[in-house]
Amino acid sequence: MHVFVTGGTGLIGSAVVAELLGNGHTVLALARSDASALAAKAAGAEPLRGGLADLDTLRAGAARSDGVIHLAFANDFSSADALVKAVDEETAALAALGEELAGSERPFVTASGTPHAPGRASVESDPVSTDGPVGGRGRAVTATLGLASRGVRSAAVRLPRTVHHRGAGGFAGLLAGIARGSGVSGYPGDGEQRWPAVHALDAAVLFRLALERAPAGTAWHAVDDEGDRVRDIALVIGRRLGLPVRSVPAETYGPLASIFSIDQPSSSAHTREALGWRPKHPRLLEDLENIQP
């Protein structure tokens, strides 16, 4: 397939592009800057200049493709307003891509997040949240899956709280960044809450499998670690950075405070069985040993 990929030069996107190219696909990659365009070209993809807010460019990219993988997101967690703006931008982008693909029976794979299931690990049949600080993403992804009724083979790959590679990425990466700035490797509450995780290279394989095989309107879990305790994550970060480890106020994490405080393990048993996905790269606590002091 000739695949249009948004966010193709980020931590996850670069792994997805390499996975696609290594398995016989070609890639048209959205590039919002000259540097991103050069990176996409160096990886073997054809760059398409434009950002997530350039809806005409998104439609043009989708029109030129046999399928679409959407990964781009502003990832601005500096304030509640910035997060809302990022969600609104993505919502408009998904709608534009969906309209272009409607009636084509082409695959459209979007990134999502694993849901919260109180008292147990979430599974693929659980709905994503449509409330709270990122509820807009849940509504947008739900609408994208609904395109199955309009002739789109839509699917969602639900990513866990941390998608990591060489000690960087995801919410664990945010914890490390905050630790460097504050001088404390902190965790909210008692740190017993669990976050699922996956290596970026394993997540990339699942995006490819979903593109190639996923039935319309389905959701899949890119989860290797079902749930690492946040305190254990902070302990590795503290040791690697030579910083004290202790509980800190939830407000330390700004608009993500409520998400950081939730126990949110997740299962990928159905994904592994149905799509034959087999993670093989280092798990989170092992990969965090790559953090440099």
Protein backbone atom coordinates (compact mmCIF):
# COMPACT_ATOMS: atom_id res chain seq x y z
CA MET A 1 0.00 0.00 0.00
CA HIS A 2 0.94 3.64 -0.40
CA VAL A 3 0.25 4.92 3.13
CA PHE A 4 -0.28 8.52 4.23
CA VAL A 5 1.14 8.97 7.75
CA THR A 6 0.68 12.00 9.99
CA GLY A 7 3.20 12.44 12.79
CA GLY A 8 5.67 10.26 10.92
CA THR A 9 8.84 11.80 12.35
CA GLY A 10 8.02 11.56 16.06
CA LEU A 11 9.11 8.82 18.44
CA ILE A 12 6.22 6.54 17.48
CA GLY A 13 5.81 7.79 13.93
CA SER A 14 9.41 7.21 12.90
CA ALA A 15 9.10 3.62 14.12
CA VAL A 16 5.84 3.18 12.20
CA VAL A 17 7.37 4.56 8.99
CA ALA A 18 10.33 2.20 9.28
CA GLU A 19 8.00 -0.74 9.97
CA LEU A 20 5.88 0.06 6.92
CA LEU A 21 8.84 0.52 4.62
CA GLY A 22 10.44 -2.67 5.90
CA ASN A 23 7.32 -4.63 5.00
CA GLY A 24 6.85 -3.56 1.42
CA HIS A 25 4.69 -0.45 1.81
CA THR A 26 5.53 3.05 0.61
CA VAL A 27 4.93 6.14 2.73
CA LEU A 28 3.76 9.70 2.18
CA ALA A 29 4.59 11.53 5.42
CA LEU A 30 3.08 14.81 6.58
CA ALA A 31 5.94 17.19 7.44
CA ARG A 32 5.25 20.47 9.21
CA SER A 33 8.81 21.85 8.91
CA ASP A 34 11.87 21.66 6.68
CA ALA A 35 13.60 19.56 9.33
CA SER A 36 10.69 17.11 9.43
CA ALA A 37 10.65 16.91 5.64
CA LEU A 38 14.35 16.11 5.57
CA ALA A 39 13.92 13.48 8.29
CA ALA A 40 11.04 11.86 6.41
CA LYS A 41 13.03 11.79 3.18
CA ALA A 42 16.09 10.36 4.94
CA ALA A 43 13.89 7.58 6.35
CA GLY A 44 12.74 6.64 2.86
CA ALA A 45 9.34 8.36 2.85
CA GLU A 46 8.01 11.04 0.52
CA PRO A 47 7.39 14.23 2.54
CA LEU A 48 4.20 16.26 2.16
CA ARG A 49 4.63 19.73 3.63
CA GLY A 50 1.89 20.85 5.99
CA GLY A 51 0.64 20.70 9.55
CA LEU A 52 -2.28 19.07 11.28
CA ALA A 53 -4.30 22.28 10.95
CA ASP A 54 -3.86 22.30 7.15
CA LEU A 55 -7.04 20.44 6.34
CA ASP A 56 -6.75 20.78 2.56
CA THR A 57 -3.27 19.22 2.74
CA LEU A 58 -4.61 16.36 4.85
CA ARG A 59 -7.35 15.70 2.32
CA ALA A 60 -4.82 15.77 -0.52
CA GLY A 61 -2.57 13.29 1.31
CA ALA A 62 -5.47 10.93 1.96
CA ALA A 63 -6.61 11.20 -1.67
CA ARG A 64 -3.16 10.05 -2.84
CA SER A 65 -3.06 7.04 -0.53
CA ASP A 66 -4.28 3.48 -0.26
CA GLY A 67 -4.64 3.93 3.49
CA VAL A 68 -3.99 6.40 6.32
CA ILE A 69 -2.30 6.14 9.71
CA HIS A 70 -2.86 9.14 11.98
CA LEU A 71 -0.34 9.75 14.77
CA ALA A 72 0.16 13.52 14.94
CA PHE A 73 -0.80 15.40 18.09
CA ALA A 74 0.42 18.74 19.47
CA ASN A 75 1.40 17.16 22.84
CA ASP A 76 1.19 20.54 24.56
CA PHE A 77 0.39 19.79 28.20
CA SER A 78 1.48 23.18 29.53
CA SER A 79 -2.06 24.30 30.40
CA ALA A 80 -5.67 23.19 30.19
CA ASP A 81 -6.28 25.66 27.36
CA ALA A 82 -3.32 24.33 25.36
CA LEU A 83 -4.56 20.78 25.79
CA VAL A 84 -8.06 21.73 24.62
CA LYS A 85 -6.56 23.47 21.58
CA ALA A 86 -4.54 20.37 20.70
CA VAL A 87 -7.60 18.13 21.02
CA ASP A 88 -9.71 20.47 18.88
CA GLU A 89 -7.02 20.55 16.19
CA GLU A 90 -6.86 16.76 16.09
CA THR A 91 -10.66 16.43 16.02
CA ALA A 92 -10.88 18.62 12.91
CA ALA A 93 -8.04 16.69 11.28
CA LEU A 94 -9.67 13.31 11.87
CA ALA A 95 -12.98 14.59 10.47
CA ALA A 96 -11.26 15.90 7.33
CA LEU A 97 -9.39 12.65 6.74
CA GLY A 98 -12.55 10.64 7.33
CA GLU A 99 -14.57 12.67 4.85
CA GLU A 100 -11.91 12.15 2.19
CA LEU A 101 -11.86 8.38 2.77
CA ALA A 102 -15.64 7.88 3.03
CA GLY A 103 -16.96 5.29 0.59
CA SER A 104 -13.50 4.08 -0.44
CA GLU A 105 -13.22 0.97 1.79
CA ARG A 106 -9.62 2.05 2.46
CA PRO A 107 -8.05 1.53 5.92
CA PHE A 108 -7.85 4.45 8.34
CA VAL A 109 -5.92 3.70 11.54
CA THR A 110 -5.82 6.32 14.28
CA ALA A 111 -4.01 6.45 17.59
CA SER A 112 -6.07 6.44 20.76
CA GLY A 113 -5.47 5.79 24.46
CA THR A 114 -6.25 2.78 26.62
CA PRO A 115 -9.42 3.33 28.67
CA HIS A 116 -9.92 3.26 32.43
CA ALA A 117 -11.84 0.28 33.83
CA PRO A 118 -12.25 0.68 37.62
CA GLY A 119 -10.98 -2.33 39.57
CA ARG A 120 -9.54 -4.26 36.62
CA ALA A 121 -7.39 -4.09 33.53
CA SER A 122 -9.20 -2.52 30.59
CA VAL A 123 -9.84 -4.61 27.49
CA GLU A 124 -10.42 -3.82 23.84
CA SER A 125 -14.21 -3.89 24.15
CA ASP A 126 -14.22 -1.16 26.84
CA PRO A 127 -15.22 2.29 25.58
CA VAL A 128 -12.77 5.17 25.78
CA SER A 129 -13.66 8.09 28.01
CA THR A 130 -15.46 11.02 26.44
CA ASP A 131 -15.21 13.17 29.58
CA GLY A 132 -12.36 14.85 31.43
CA PRO A 133 -9.30 16.73 30.15
CA VAL A 134 -8.84 14.56 27.04
CA GLY A 135 -12.46 13.50 26.56
CA GLY A 136 -12.50 15.26 23.21
CA ARG A 137 -9.98 12.73 21.90
CA GLY A 138 -12.31 9.93 22.93
CA ARG A 139 -15.22 11.53 21.09
CA ALA A 140 -13.10 12.05 17.96
CA VAL A 141 -11.83 8.47 17.95
CA THR A 142 -15.34 7.12 18.50
CA ALA A 143 -16.53 9.13 15.50
CA THR A 144 -13.63 7.78 13.45
CA LEU A 145 -14.56 4.20 14.27
CA GLY A 146 -18.11 5.08 13.27
CA LEU A 147 -16.85 5.66 9.74
CA ALA A 148 -17.12 1.88 9.35
CA SER A 149 -20.76 2.50 8.42
CA ARG A 150 -19.65 4.90 5.69
CA GLY A 151 -17.29 2.64 3.78
CA VAL A 152 -14.06 3.20 5.70
CA ARG A 153 -12.07 0.35 7.25
CA SER A 154 -11.42 2.41 10.37
CA ALA A 155 -9.53 1.10 13.38
CA ALA A 156 -7.98 2.52 16.54
CA VAL A 157 -4.68 1.44 18.07
CA ARG A 158 -4.96 2.34 21.73
CA LEU A 159 -1.63 3.39 23.12
CA PRO A 160 -0.78 3.04 26.81
CA ARG A 161 0.35 5.80 29.16
CA THR A 162 3.97 5.28 28.12
CA VAL A 163 5.28 4.44 24.67
CA HIS A 164 9.03 4.33 25.18
CA HIS A 165 12.30 3.89 23.32
CA ARG A 166 15.80 4.14 24.81
CA GLY A 167 14.41 5.50 28.07
CA ALA A 168 12.43 8.33 26.47
CA GLY A 169 8.78 8.91 25.64
CA GLY A 170 5.31 8.88 27.12
CA PHE A 171 4.24 9.73 30.63
CA ALA A 172 7.36 8.14 32.11
CA GLY A 173 9.33 10.55 29.94
CA LEU A 174 7.28 13.43 31.34
CA LEU A 175 8.08 12.23 34.86
CA ALA A 176 11.78 12.23 34.00
CA GLY A 177 11.57 15.72 32.53
CA ILE A 178 9.79 17.08 35.59
CA ALA A 179 12.33 15.36 37.82
CA ARG A 180 15.20 17.05 36.02
CA GLY A 181 13.55 20.44 36.44
CA SER A 182 12.46 20.07 40.06
CA GLY A 183 15.33 18.04 41.51
CA VAL A 184 12.91 15.38 42.78
CA SER A 185 11.76 12.18 41.09
CA GLY A 186 8.14 12.43 42.15
CA TYR A 187 4.95 10.45 41.90
CA PRO A 188 1.36 11.40 42.80
CA GLY A 189 -0.27 9.92 45.90
CA ASP A 190 1.15 6.65 47.19
CA GLY A 191 2.49 5.67 43.78
CA GLU A 192 0.56 2.40 43.74
CA GLN A 193 -1.38 3.37 40.61
CA ARG A 194 -0.35 1.36 37.57
CA TRP A 195 0.41 2.56 34.06
CA PRO A 196 0.55 0.24 31.05
CA ALA A 197 3.45 0.61 28.63
CA VAL A 198 4.86 -0.57 25.30
CA HIS A 199 8.07 -0.16 23.37
CA ALA A 200 7.69 2.11 20.33
CA LEU A 201 9.05 -0.56 17.98
CA ASP A 202 6.42 -3.04 19.18
CA ALA A 203 3.66 -0.44 18.86
CA ALA A 204 4.77 0.18 15.28
CA VAL A 205 4.20 -3.46 14.40
CA LEU A 206 0.65 -3.26 15.69
CA PHE A 207 -0.10 -0.17 13.61
CA ARG A 208 1.03 -2.08 10.52
CA LEU A 209 -1.04 -5.14 11.43
CA ALA A 210 -4.11 -2.97 12.01
CA LEU A 211 -3.59 -1.28 8.64
CA GLU A 212 -3.30 -4.62 6.88
CA ARG A 213 -5.83 -6.75 8.73
CA ALA A 214 -8.12 -4.98 11.20
CA PRO A 215 -11.85 -5.23 10.48
CA ALA A 216 -13.77 -1.97 10.21
CA GLY A 217 -14.74 -0.26 13.44
CA THR A 218 -12.37 -2.15 15.75
CA ALA A 219 -10.06 -1.11 18.59
CA TRP A 220 -6.75 -2.75 19.57
CA HIS A 221 -4.46 -2.48 22.56
CA ALA A 222 -0.74 -1.81 22.05
CA VAL A 223 0.09 -2.96 25.57
CA ASP A 224 3.11 -5.01 26.63
CA ASP A 225 3.42 -4.13 30.35
CA GLU A 226 -0.11 -4.46 31.75
CA GLY A 227 0.70 -2.03 34.54
CA ASP A 228 3.90 -0.78 36.22
CA ARG A 229 3.51 1.02 39.54
CA VAL A 230 4.28 4.72 39.15
CA ARG A 231 6.44 4.60 42.28
CA ASP A 232 8.59 1.90 40.65
CA ILE A 233 8.95 4.09 37.56
CA ALA A 234 9.97 7.04 39.74
CA LEU A 235 12.49 4.89 41.60
CA VAL A 236 14.31 3.97 38.40
CA ILE A 237 14.25 7.60 37.23
CA GLY A 238 15.55 8.81 40.59
CA ARG A 239 18.36 6.28 40.63
CA ARG A 240 19.42 7.04 37.07
CA LEU A 241 19.34 10.82 37.66
CA GLY A 242 20.75 10.71 41.19
CA LEU A 243 17.66 12.39 42.65
CA PRO A 244 15.54 11.78 45.76
CA VAL A 245 12.26 9.93 45.20
CA ARG A 246 9.08 10.92 46.99
CA SER A 247 5.37 11.63 46.65
CA VAL A 248 4.52 15.08 45.32
CA PRO A 249 1.19 16.94 45.03
CA ALA A 250 -0.92 15.90 42.07
CA GLU A 251 -1.03 19.57 41.03
CA THR A 252 2.62 19.18 40.04
CA TYR A 253 1.37 17.61 36.82
CA GLY A 254 -0.93 20.46 35.77
CA PRO A 255 -3.80 19.52 33.43
CA LEU A 256 -2.70 15.87 33.55
CA ALA A 257 -3.02 15.64 37.34
CA SER A 258 -6.21 13.58 37.34
CA ILE A 259 -4.87 11.19 34.68
CA PHE A 260 -1.54 10.73 36.47
CA SER A 261 -3.34 9.78 39.67
CA ILE A 262 -5.56 7.04 38.21
CA ASP A 263 -4.82 3.32 38.45
CA GLN A 264 -5.17 2.30 34.82
CA PRO A 265 -3.80 -1.16 33.93
CA SER A 266 -4.71 -2.55 30.53
CA SER A 267 -4.74 -5.93 28.78
CA SER A 268 -3.87 -6.80 25.18
CA ALA A 269 -4.87 -10.48 25.28
CA HIS A 270 -7.48 -10.13 22.52
CA THR A 271 -5.12 -8.10 20.30
CA ARG A 272 -2.39 -10.71 20.59
CA GLU A 273 -4.74 -13.57 19.80
CA ALA A 274 -6.68 -11.93 16.97
CA LEU A 275 -3.85 -10.13 15.15
CA GLY A 276 -0.91 -12.31 16.16
CA TRP A 277 0.91 -9.36 17.73
CA ARG A 278 3.94 -10.43 19.78
CA PRO A 279 5.92 -7.69 21.59
CA LYS A 280 9.61 -8.52 21.79
CA HIS A 281 11.48 -5.36 22.80
CA PRO A 282 12.53 -4.29 26.34
CA ARG A 283 9.78 -3.50 28.80
CA LEU A 284 9.52 -0.11 30.47
CA LEU A 285 11.52 -0.56 33.68
CA GLU A 286 14.35 -2.17 31.74
CA ASP A 287 14.27 0.50 29.03
CA LEU A 288 14.38 3.30 31.63
CA GLU A 289 17.90 2.13 32.48
CA ASN A 290 18.88 3.98 29.29
CA ILE A 291 18.12 7.34 30.93
CA GLN A 292 21.32 9.37 31.05
CA PRO A 293 22.19 11.29 34.25
